[in-house]
Amino acid sequence: MDGRVLVAYEVAQRQETGYDVSEAIKAANSLDPSDNAALFSLVDEMSDLSRTGEWAYEEPTAFDDLRESLPSAPGAERVAAADLSDKIGAAWLGRIAGCNLGKPVEQGDHWTADHIRDYLQIAGAYPLRDYVPVLDPMPAGFELVDNWPETTKGNVNGSARDDDIDYPILTLHLLERHGASLTPEHVGRAWRTLFPLEQVYTAERAAYVNMVQGHRPPETATRRNPFREWIGAQIRGDVFGYVFAGDPWSAARLSYQDAALSHVGNGIYGEMWAAALVAAAFTAADAREAIETSLQVVPPKSRLAEAIRRVLDLQAAGGTWDEALADIRTAYGHYSWVHTINNAAAVVAALLWADGDYTTAVGRVVMSGWDTDSNGATVGSVAAILAGSAGLPHHLIDPLHDRTRSALFGFDNSAISDLARRTVRLAVDGLGATPLGD
């Protein structure tokens, strides 16, 4: 990576977590911008920075410290076999459809919530309840992401490839292979074996490079990785929730092993929270109950917990979704459009104001901007579990044709129904079996 970019993101990460970056900024401005070695050294030196004053949050990364910070862990509930099979099948379909829905506008710097709304209104498609339409000619100032020939209305023919789909497929493979014995080392080895480097991004790519250079967890998550609290881990949590349906704490606890390879703090909490949210949805009466349950796996004095509580409070006070989205963007718009905290808040809002309707939930989270395909996938999982297969709309599901592309070696053109069948088997049989190998 360009050293200037790495320095800029590390400064932002340190500043967001309460550190004094004034001297680091001065040092960066004094360096030759083409001297990557010096810029990388400056990134390394930022690990010695001090906080500017009293920090209002407690955000542990080590698992024992994290667990100690939680007042209590959520309990487990049994899911009936028929419901389990139906909801897991719905979850895979709902996640993949939601991901594809958000893909053509996945560029948070260009496709802001306002820009998305303007485009959809011009297209006569606001609020969004179908795949994003393509206008011909495109109005000035609007440019869909280059995957649009595969992901827009009338053009979906099987699921397009996306890392938000690759990671769940990989997690399923890892759980089949290692079960409850999964470790960050297992995850890292699978990445290096099955994932091309250029098909992983931000924190995952930084961790990948660190592994290739001989570094091991937890250093893979911290060394020259300014993306360590971004959304990358959060998009990897859903399958833990599928397999531990009704057991949010077990889902969150095992997902930590996946997250710790590439993330720290709120980055790890994002995956644990997503895993718990999905698991809780199997037995929750509605989205609010699932969200409140999932909050129990997030350190209560963290910024992520604060953001989730903020959105819950907005709904309890009787606000509208538009008001909530405006509040979220004001409170958390300073984060990168692929950060954990702002995107998690958008996910919560979309679920709370969907009234149990899958199409409303995924449409609203895509209209929220930021990481639209990742959020569409997470909301798609949860909303589909809550609705069951009968609540999924044919116009979003049928064009998938039970097939998804994948960059994972050996997993391209996977049948979605087969992924669901394998997941159900793990959920029913449990993960206590002896691992099959490394």
Protein backbone atom coordinates (compact mmCIF):
# COMPACT_ATOMS: atom_id res chain seq x y z
CA MET A 1 0.00 0.00 0.00
CA ASP A 2 1.04 3.60 -0.60
CA GLY A 3 2.66 4.79 2.62
CA ARG A 4 0.81 8.11 2.48
CA VAL A 5 -2.54 6.32 2.49
CA LEU A 6 -1.48 4.07 5.36
CA VAL A 7 -0.36 7.05 7.45
CA ALA A 8 -3.59 8.95 6.77
CA TYR A 9 -5.78 6.03 7.82
CA GLU A 10 -3.66 5.29 10.89
CA VAL A 11 -3.92 8.92 11.97
CA ALA A 12 -7.71 8.71 11.59
CA GLN A 13 -7.89 5.43 13.55
CA ARG A 14 -5.77 6.85 16.38
CA GLN A 15 -7.74 10.10 16.45
CA GLU A 16 -11.07 8.23 16.59
CA THR A 17 -9.83 6.27 19.58
CA GLY A 18 -8.74 9.30 21.58
CA TYR A 19 -5.02 9.57 20.82
CA ASP A 20 -3.01 12.76 20.35
CA VAL A 21 -1.90 12.66 16.70
CA SER A 22 -0.57 16.21 16.42
CA GLU A 23 3.11 15.20 16.43
CA ALA A 24 2.43 12.32 14.04
CA ILE A 25 0.82 14.74 11.59
CA LYS A 26 3.83 17.07 11.82
CA ALA A 27 6.18 14.15 11.25
CA ALA A 28 4.16 12.95 8.24
CA ASN A 29 4.24 16.42 6.66
CA SER A 30 8.03 16.52 7.01
CA LEU A 31 8.61 13.23 5.19
CA ASP A 32 9.24 12.65 1.50
CA PRO A 33 5.83 11.40 0.27
CA SER A 34 7.59 8.84 -1.94
CA ASP A 35 9.59 7.35 0.95
CA ASN A 36 7.40 4.39 1.83
CA ALA A 37 9.92 2.97 4.30
CA ALA A 38 9.88 6.15 6.38
CA LEU A 39 6.10 6.39 6.19
CA PHE A 40 5.68 2.76 7.29
CA SER A 41 8.06 3.43 10.19
CA LEU A 42 5.90 6.38 11.23
CA VAL A 43 2.84 4.10 11.26
CA ASP A 44 4.74 1.69 13.52
CA GLU A 45 5.76 4.53 15.84
CA MET A 46 2.13 5.59 16.34
CA SER A 47 1.65 2.53 18.54
CA ASP A 48 3.50 4.53 21.22
CA LEU A 49 1.13 7.51 21.14
CA SER A 50 -0.69 8.58 24.30
CA ARG A 51 -4.32 9.51 24.67
CA THR A 52 -5.17 13.20 24.77
CA GLY A 53 -7.03 12.96 28.05
CA GLU A 54 -9.64 10.90 29.79
CA TRP A 55 -11.17 8.34 27.41
CA ALA A 56 -14.86 7.77 28.04
CA TYR A 57 -14.94 4.22 26.66
CA GLU A 58 -13.72 0.79 27.71
CA GLU A 59 -12.99 -1.33 24.64
CA PRO A 60 -11.01 -4.47 25.46
CA THR A 61 -9.71 -6.75 22.72
CA ALA A 62 -8.42 -9.79 24.63
CA PHE A 63 -11.25 -12.31 24.97
CA ASP A 64 -11.04 -12.74 28.75
CA ASP A 65 -11.13 -8.97 29.26
CA LEU A 66 -14.00 -8.66 26.82
CA ARG A 67 -15.99 -11.37 28.57
CA GLU A 68 -15.30 -9.77 31.94
CA SER A 69 -16.77 -6.50 30.68
CA LEU A 70 -20.16 -8.10 29.95
CA PRO A 71 -22.70 -8.04 32.79
CA SER A 72 -24.16 -11.34 31.59
CA ALA A 73 -24.29 -13.48 28.48
CA PRO A 74 -27.59 -14.14 26.70
CA GLY A 75 -29.14 -17.54 27.28
CA ALA A 76 -29.85 -20.20 24.67
CA GLU A 77 -33.24 -21.27 23.34
CA ARG A 78 -34.07 -24.34 21.28
CA VAL A 79 -35.31 -23.92 17.71
CA ALA A 80 -37.71 -26.55 16.36
CA ALA A 81 -36.21 -28.63 13.56
CA ALA A 82 -38.75 -27.55 10.93
CA ASP A 83 -38.29 -23.87 11.78
CA LEU A 84 -34.52 -24.29 11.77
CA SER A 85 -34.41 -25.70 8.25
CA ASP A 86 -36.83 -23.12 6.88
CA LYS A 87 -35.13 -20.13 8.51
CA ILE A 88 -31.58 -21.15 7.59
CA GLY A 89 -32.64 -21.59 3.98
CA ALA A 90 -34.34 -18.20 4.09
CA ALA A 91 -31.28 -16.62 5.71
CA TRP A 92 -28.89 -17.69 2.95
CA LEU A 93 -31.27 -16.45 0.26
CA GLY A 94 -32.04 -13.26 2.16
CA ARG A 95 -28.38 -12.46 2.74
CA ILE A 96 -27.37 -13.04 -0.87
CA ALA A 97 -30.30 -11.07 -2.30
CA GLY A 98 -29.66 -8.19 0.11
CA CYS A 99 -26.00 -8.12 -0.86
CA ASN A 100 -26.82 -7.96 -4.58
CA LEU A 101 -29.40 -5.25 -3.93
CA GLY A 102 -26.72 -2.98 -2.48
CA LYS A 103 -23.85 -3.76 -4.85
CA PRO A 104 -24.48 -1.23 -7.65
CA VAL A 105 -24.38 1.69 -5.17
CA GLU A 106 -21.55 0.44 -2.94
CA GLN A 107 -19.37 3.53 -2.98
CA GLY A 108 -20.11 5.54 0.10
CA ASP A 109 -18.20 8.65 -0.95
CA HIS A 110 -20.30 8.94 -4.13
CA TRP A 111 -23.50 7.11 -3.27
CA THR A 112 -24.52 8.96 -0.13
CA ALA A 113 -28.02 8.53 1.28
CA ASP A 114 -29.07 11.80 -0.39
CA HIS A 115 -27.52 10.81 -3.73
CA ILE A 116 -29.21 7.40 -3.65
CA ARG A 117 -32.55 9.01 -2.88
CA ASP A 118 -32.15 11.53 -5.71
CA TYR A 119 -31.33 8.78 -8.21
CA LEU A 120 -34.20 6.54 -7.12
CA GLN A 121 -36.66 9.43 -7.30
CA ILE A 122 -35.52 10.25 -10.84
CA ALA A 123 -35.95 6.56 -11.71
CA GLY A 124 -39.39 6.37 -10.09
CA ALA A 125 -38.07 3.71 -7.71
CA TYR A 126 -38.18 5.48 -4.34
CA PRO A 127 -38.52 3.89 -1.82
CA LEU A 128 -36.34 1.02 -3.00
CA ARG A 129 -38.29 -2.25 -3.14
CA ASP A 130 -36.57 -4.00 -6.04
CA TYR A 131 -33.11 -4.23 -7.55
CA VAL A 132 -31.70 -0.82 -8.46
CA PRO A 133 -32.90 0.25 -11.92
CA VAL A 134 -30.51 1.40 -14.65
CA LEU A 135 -31.38 4.65 -16.43
CA ASP A 136 -30.38 5.05 -20.07
CA PRO A 137 -28.90 7.53 -20.46
CA MET A 138 -27.60 7.91 -16.92
CA PRO A 139 -28.27 11.37 -15.49
CA ALA A 140 -25.24 13.59 -15.05
CA GLY A 141 -23.52 13.11 -11.69
CA PHE A 142 -24.59 9.49 -11.19
CA GLU A 143 -22.38 6.47 -11.84
CA LEU A 144 -23.26 2.94 -10.79
CA VAL A 145 -20.49 0.62 -9.59
CA ASP A 146 -19.01 -1.52 -12.37
CA ASN A 147 -20.87 -4.66 -11.26
CA TRP A 148 -24.18 -3.12 -12.40
CA PRO A 149 -24.62 -5.41 -15.46
CA GLU A 150 -25.03 -8.32 -13.01
CA THR A 151 -26.82 -6.68 -10.06
CA THR A 152 -29.45 -4.26 -11.35
CA LYS A 153 -33.14 -4.70 -12.09
CA GLY A 154 -33.68 -7.12 -14.97
CA ASN A 155 -30.01 -8.11 -15.06
CA VAL A 156 -29.70 -10.46 -12.06
CA ASN A 157 -29.10 -14.01 -13.28
CA GLY A 158 -27.65 -15.85 -10.32
CA SER A 159 -25.76 -14.03 -7.61
CA ALA A 160 -22.74 -11.92 -8.49
CA ARG A 161 -19.46 -12.61 -6.70
CA ASP A 162 -18.88 -10.57 -3.55
CA ASP A 163 -16.71 -10.88 -0.45
CA ASP A 164 -19.91 -10.59 1.63
CA ILE A 165 -20.83 -13.95 0.09
CA ASP A 166 -17.32 -15.43 -0.03
CA TYR A 167 -16.85 -15.12 3.73
CA PRO A 168 -20.04 -16.97 4.75
CA ILE A 169 -19.14 -19.79 2.35
CA LEU A 170 -15.65 -19.91 3.85
CA THR A 171 -17.01 -19.86 7.41
CA LEU A 172 -19.25 -22.82 6.61
CA HIS A 173 -16.23 -24.70 5.26
CA LEU A 174 -14.16 -23.81 8.34
CA LEU A 175 -16.87 -24.96 10.75
CA GLU A 176 -17.29 -28.22 8.88
CA ARG A 177 -13.55 -28.76 9.11
CA HIS A 178 -12.68 -27.46 12.59
CA GLY A 179 -15.93 -27.20 14.50
CA ALA A 180 -15.74 -25.58 17.91
CA SER A 181 -11.94 -25.91 17.85
CA LEU A 182 -11.65 -23.09 15.29
CA THR A 183 -8.71 -20.72 15.87
CA PRO A 184 -7.44 -17.56 14.14
CA GLU A 185 -4.62 -19.68 12.71
CA HIS A 186 -7.14 -21.98 11.03
CA VAL A 187 -8.89 -18.96 9.52
CA GLY A 188 -5.62 -17.47 8.31
CA ARG A 189 -4.49 -20.71 6.70
CA ALA A 190 -7.80 -20.98 4.86
CA TRP A 191 -7.47 -17.43 3.55
CA ARG A 192 -3.99 -18.11 2.22
CA THR A 193 -5.08 -21.39 0.64
CA LEU A 194 -8.47 -20.47 -0.81
CA PHE A 195 -8.65 -16.68 -1.17
CA PRO A 196 -6.71 -14.66 -3.78
CA LEU A 197 -5.04 -11.70 -2.06
CA GLU A 198 -6.67 -9.12 -4.31
CA GLN A 199 -10.15 -10.42 -3.47
CA VAL A 200 -9.79 -9.40 0.19
CA TYR A 201 -9.80 -5.79 1.28
CA THR A 202 -8.82 -3.31 3.99
CA ALA A 203 -8.25 -5.10 7.34
CA GLU A 204 -8.31 -8.53 5.77
CA ARG A 205 -5.68 -7.59 3.19
CA ALA A 206 -3.49 -6.04 5.88
CA ALA A 207 -3.76 -9.22 7.97
CA TYR A 208 -3.09 -11.36 4.88
CA VAL A 209 0.10 -9.41 4.08
CA ASN A 210 1.18 -9.71 7.70
CA MET A 211 0.72 -13.48 7.58
CA VAL A 212 2.72 -13.78 4.35
CA GLN A 213 5.50 -11.80 6.03
CA GLY A 214 5.58 -14.28 8.90
CA HIS A 215 3.52 -12.51 11.56
CA ARG A 216 0.96 -14.43 13.64
CA PRO A 217 -2.25 -13.51 15.45
CA PRO A 218 -2.90 -11.26 17.27
CA GLU A 219 -0.15 -9.17 15.63
CA THR A 220 -1.79 -9.77 12.23
CA ALA A 221 -4.65 -7.54 13.39
CA THR A 222 -2.54 -4.68 14.71
CA ARG A 223 0.60 -4.35 12.58
CA ARG A 224 0.19 -1.71 9.89
CA ASN A 225 -3.55 -2.28 9.90
CA PRO A 226 -5.39 1.03 10.29
CA PHE A 227 -8.61 -0.70 9.18
CA ARG A 228 -8.79 -2.84 12.32
CA GLU A 229 -12.13 -1.40 13.45
CA TRP A 230 -13.75 -1.33 10.03
CA ILE A 231 -16.64 -3.52 8.87
CA GLY A 232 -14.63 -6.45 7.47
CA ALA A 233 -15.16 -8.73 10.46
CA GLN A 234 -18.82 -7.80 10.86
CA ILE A 235 -19.59 -9.24 7.41
CA ARG A 236 -18.11 -12.58 8.51
CA GLY A 237 -20.40 -13.31 11.46
CA ASP A 238 -23.68 -14.56 10.04
CA VAL A 239 -22.93 -18.26 9.61
CA PHE A 240 -21.90 -18.53 13.27
CA GLY A 241 -25.41 -17.28 14.03
CA TYR A 242 -26.99 -19.79 11.64
CA VAL A 243 -25.12 -22.72 13.18
CA PHE A 244 -25.82 -21.57 16.75
CA ALA A 245 -29.45 -20.65 16.06
CA GLY A 246 -31.11 -19.54 19.29
CA ASP A 247 -27.75 -19.42 21.14
CA PRO A 248 -26.33 -15.89 20.67
CA TRP A 249 -23.48 -16.24 23.15
CA SER A 250 -22.07 -19.40 21.56
CA ALA A 251 -22.29 -17.75 18.15
CA ALA A 252 -20.50 -14.64 19.38
CA ARG A 253 -17.86 -16.53 21.35
CA LEU A 254 -16.76 -18.67 18.41
CA SER A 255 -16.94 -15.76 15.96
CA TYR A 256 -14.29 -14.05 18.09
CA GLN A 257 -11.79 -16.61 16.78
CA ASP A 258 -12.51 -15.46 13.25
CA ALA A 259 -12.51 -11.73 14.00
CA ALA A 260 -9.29 -11.69 16.03
CA LEU A 261 -7.19 -12.54 12.95
CA SER A 262 -7.79 -9.10 11.44
CA HIS A 263 -9.56 -6.82 13.92
CA VAL A 264 -9.48 -5.31 17.40
CA GLY A 265 -11.95 -3.53 19.65
CA ASN A 266 -15.13 -2.47 17.87
CA GLY A 267 -14.06 -4.41 14.78
CA ILE A 268 -14.24 -7.63 16.81
CA TYR A 269 -17.42 -6.55 18.56
CA GLY A 270 -19.02 -6.00 15.15
CA GLU A 271 -18.62 -9.64 14.21
CA MET A 272 -19.67 -10.90 17.62
CA TRP A 273 -22.71 -8.64 17.52
CA ALA A 274 -23.71 -9.73 14.01
CA ALA A 275 -23.34 -13.40 14.95
CA ALA A 276 -25.44 -12.89 18.08
CA LEU A 277 -28.05 -10.83 16.24
CA VAL A 278 -28.52 -13.55 13.65
CA ALA A 279 -28.67 -16.29 16.30
CA ALA A 280 -31.18 -14.30 18.38
CA ALA A 281 -33.43 -13.71 15.37
CA PHE A 282 -34.29 -17.42 15.25
CA THR A 283 -36.24 -17.19 18.51
CA ALA A 284 -37.03 -13.46 18.86
CA ALA A 285 -40.56 -12.16 18.52
CA ASP A 286 -39.37 -9.20 16.45
CA ALA A 287 -36.30 -7.25 15.37
CA ARG A 288 -36.15 -5.15 18.51
CA GLU A 289 -35.99 -8.22 20.74
CA ALA A 290 -33.20 -9.70 18.61
CA ILE A 291 -31.23 -6.45 18.72
CA GLU A 292 -31.64 -6.04 22.48
CA THR A 293 -30.46 -9.63 22.99
CA SER A 294 -27.47 -9.18 20.68
CA LEU A 295 -26.39 -6.08 22.59
CA GLN A 296 -25.54 -8.34 25.53
CA VAL A 297 -22.41 -9.62 23.73
CA VAL A 298 -21.03 -6.09 23.12
CA PRO A 299 -18.94 -4.42 25.86
CA PRO A 300 -21.42 -1.94 27.35
CA LYS A 301 -18.95 0.96 27.56
CA SER A 302 -17.88 0.64 23.91
CA ARG A 303 -18.72 3.01 21.08
CA LEU A 304 -20.56 0.24 19.26
CA ALA A 305 -22.85 -0.42 22.23
CA GLU A 306 -23.48 3.31 22.54
CA ALA A 307 -24.46 3.55 18.86
CA ILE A 308 -26.84 0.58 19.01
CA ARG A 309 -28.49 1.90 22.17
CA ARG A 310 -28.85 5.31 20.56
CA VAL A 311 -30.89 3.88 17.67
CA LEU A 312 -33.01 1.75 20.01
CA ASP A 313 -33.77 4.88 22.02
CA LEU A 314 -34.70 6.83 18.90
CA GLN A 315 -37.29 4.22 18.00
CA ALA A 316 -38.61 4.00 21.54
CA ALA A 317 -39.09 7.78 21.52
CA GLY A 318 -41.35 7.49 18.48
CA GLY A 319 -39.04 8.91 15.82
CA THR A 320 -39.34 8.05 12.14
CA TRP A 321 -36.78 6.14 10.09
CA ASP A 322 -35.85 9.32 8.20
CA GLU A 323 -35.25 11.11 11.50
CA ALA A 324 -33.18 8.20 12.79
CA LEU A 325 -31.06 8.10 9.64
CA ALA A 326 -30.39 11.84 9.86
CA ASP A 327 -29.39 11.46 13.51
CA ILE A 328 -27.09 8.51 12.73
CA ARG A 329 -25.36 10.41 9.93
CA THR A 330 -24.83 13.43 12.18
CA ALA A 331 -23.49 11.33 15.07
CA TYR A 332 -21.35 8.87 13.11
CA GLY A 333 -20.74 10.41 9.70
CA HIS A 334 -17.14 11.22 10.63
CA TYR A 335 -16.22 7.54 10.37
CA SER A 336 -15.11 5.93 7.11
CA TRP A 337 -18.04 4.69 5.03
CA VAL A 338 -16.75 1.16 5.71
CA HIS A 339 -16.37 1.50 9.50
CA THR A 340 -18.16 -0.85 11.89
CA ILE A 341 -19.97 1.68 14.06
CA ASN A 342 -21.85 3.83 11.56
CA ASN A 343 -22.86 0.84 9.45
CA ALA A 344 -24.09 -1.12 12.47
CA ALA A 345 -26.29 1.83 13.42
CA ALA A 346 -27.77 1.87 9.90
CA VAL A 347 -28.44 -1.88 10.13
CA VAL A 348 -30.27 -1.45 13.43
CA ALA A 349 -32.41 1.38 12.09
CA ALA A 350 -33.42 -0.53 8.98
CA LEU A 351 -34.48 -3.55 11.00
CA LEU A 352 -36.36 -1.54 13.64
CA TRP A 353 -38.38 0.49 11.17
CA ALA A 354 -39.21 -2.36 8.76
CA ASP A 355 -42.26 -3.66 10.67
CA GLY A 356 -41.14 -7.23 9.99
CA ASP A 357 -41.13 -6.81 6.21
CA TYR A 358 -38.03 -8.18 4.46
CA THR A 359 -38.25 -5.92 1.40
CA THR A 360 -38.64 -2.78 3.50
CA ALA A 361 -35.66 -3.74 5.68
CA VAL A 362 -33.17 -4.39 2.88
CA GLY A 363 -34.45 -1.46 0.83
CA ARG A 364 -34.05 0.96 3.70
CA VAL A 365 -30.56 -0.15 4.65
CA VAL A 366 -29.39 0.22 1.04
CA MET A 367 -30.98 3.68 0.91
CA SER A 368 -28.95 4.55 4.02
CA GLY A 369 -25.73 4.63 1.99
CA TRP A 370 -22.29 3.73 3.37
CA ASP A 371 -21.46 0.03 2.90
CA THR A 372 -24.65 -0.84 1.07
CA ASP A 373 -23.90 -4.41 0.01
CA SER A 374 -22.50 -5.46 3.39
CA ASN A 375 -25.43 -3.91 5.22
CA GLY A 376 -27.90 -5.33 2.72
CA ALA A 377 -26.42 -8.76 3.42
CA THR A 378 -26.59 -8.48 7.22
CA VAL A 379 -30.09 -7.03 7.23
CA GLY A 380 -31.06 -9.62 4.62
CA SER A 381 -30.00 -12.45 6.94
CA VAL A 382 -31.84 -11.15 9.97
CA ALA A 383 -34.99 -9.99 8.19
CA ALA A 384 -35.24 -13.31 6.32
CA ILE A 385 -34.93 -15.31 9.53
CA LEU A 386 -37.65 -13.21 11.16
CA ALA A 387 -39.93 -13.52 8.10
CA GLY A 388 -39.20 -17.16 7.19
CA SER A 389 -39.13 -18.39 3.62
CA ALA A 390 -42.80 -17.50 3.10
CA GLY A 391 -41.97 -13.85 3.74
CA LEU A 392 -39.30 -13.57 1.04
CA PRO A 393 -40.30 -11.68 -2.12
CA HIS A 394 -40.12 -13.68 -5.34
CA HIS A 395 -38.94 -10.70 -7.40
CA LEU A 396 -35.73 -10.51 -5.32
CA ILE A 397 -35.16 -14.24 -4.72
CA ASP A 398 -36.13 -15.95 -7.98
CA PRO A 399 -33.48 -14.19 -10.13
CA LEU A 400 -30.76 -15.78 -7.97
CA HIS A 401 -31.59 -19.15 -9.54
CA ASP A 402 -30.17 -20.97 -6.50
CA ARG A 403 -26.61 -20.10 -7.55
CA THR A 404 -23.83 -17.81 -6.37
CA ARG A 405 -20.45 -16.95 -7.77
CA SER A 406 -17.42 -16.98 -5.44
CA ALA A 407 -13.74 -16.07 -5.61
CA LEU A 408 -12.95 -18.93 -3.21
CA PHE A 409 -10.95 -21.69 -4.86
CA GLY A 410 -13.28 -24.64 -5.48
CA PHE A 411 -16.48 -22.87 -4.41
CA ASP A 412 -17.54 -20.91 -7.49
CA ASN A 413 -21.11 -21.46 -8.68
CA SER A 414 -22.18 -22.92 -5.35
CA ALA A 415 -25.83 -23.93 -5.05
CA ILE A 416 -27.44 -21.79 -2.36
CA SER A 417 -29.69 -24.69 -1.37
CA ASP A 418 -26.62 -26.86 -0.80
CA LEU A 419 -25.02 -24.20 1.41
CA ALA A 420 -28.24 -24.12 3.44
CA ARG A 421 -28.42 -27.91 3.66
CA ARG A 422 -24.85 -28.15 4.96
CA THR A 423 -25.54 -25.38 7.46
CA VAL A 424 -28.64 -27.12 8.78
CA ARG A 425 -26.60 -30.29 9.28
CA LEU A 426 -24.07 -28.42 11.42
CA ALA A 427 -26.83 -26.68 13.38
CA VAL A 428 -28.54 -30.01 14.11
CA ASP A 429 -25.45 -32.15 14.74
CA GLY A 430 -23.49 -29.51 16.65
CA LEU A 431 -19.78 -28.63 16.47
CA GLY A 432 -18.40 -30.94 19.10
CA ALA A 433 -16.92 -33.48 16.72
CA THR A 434 -13.17 -33.94 16.38
CA PRO A 435 -11.78 -31.53 13.75
CA LEU A 436 -10.98 -33.08 10.40
CA GLY A 437 -7.52 -31.53 10.16
CA ASP A 438 -5.68 -28.31 9.54
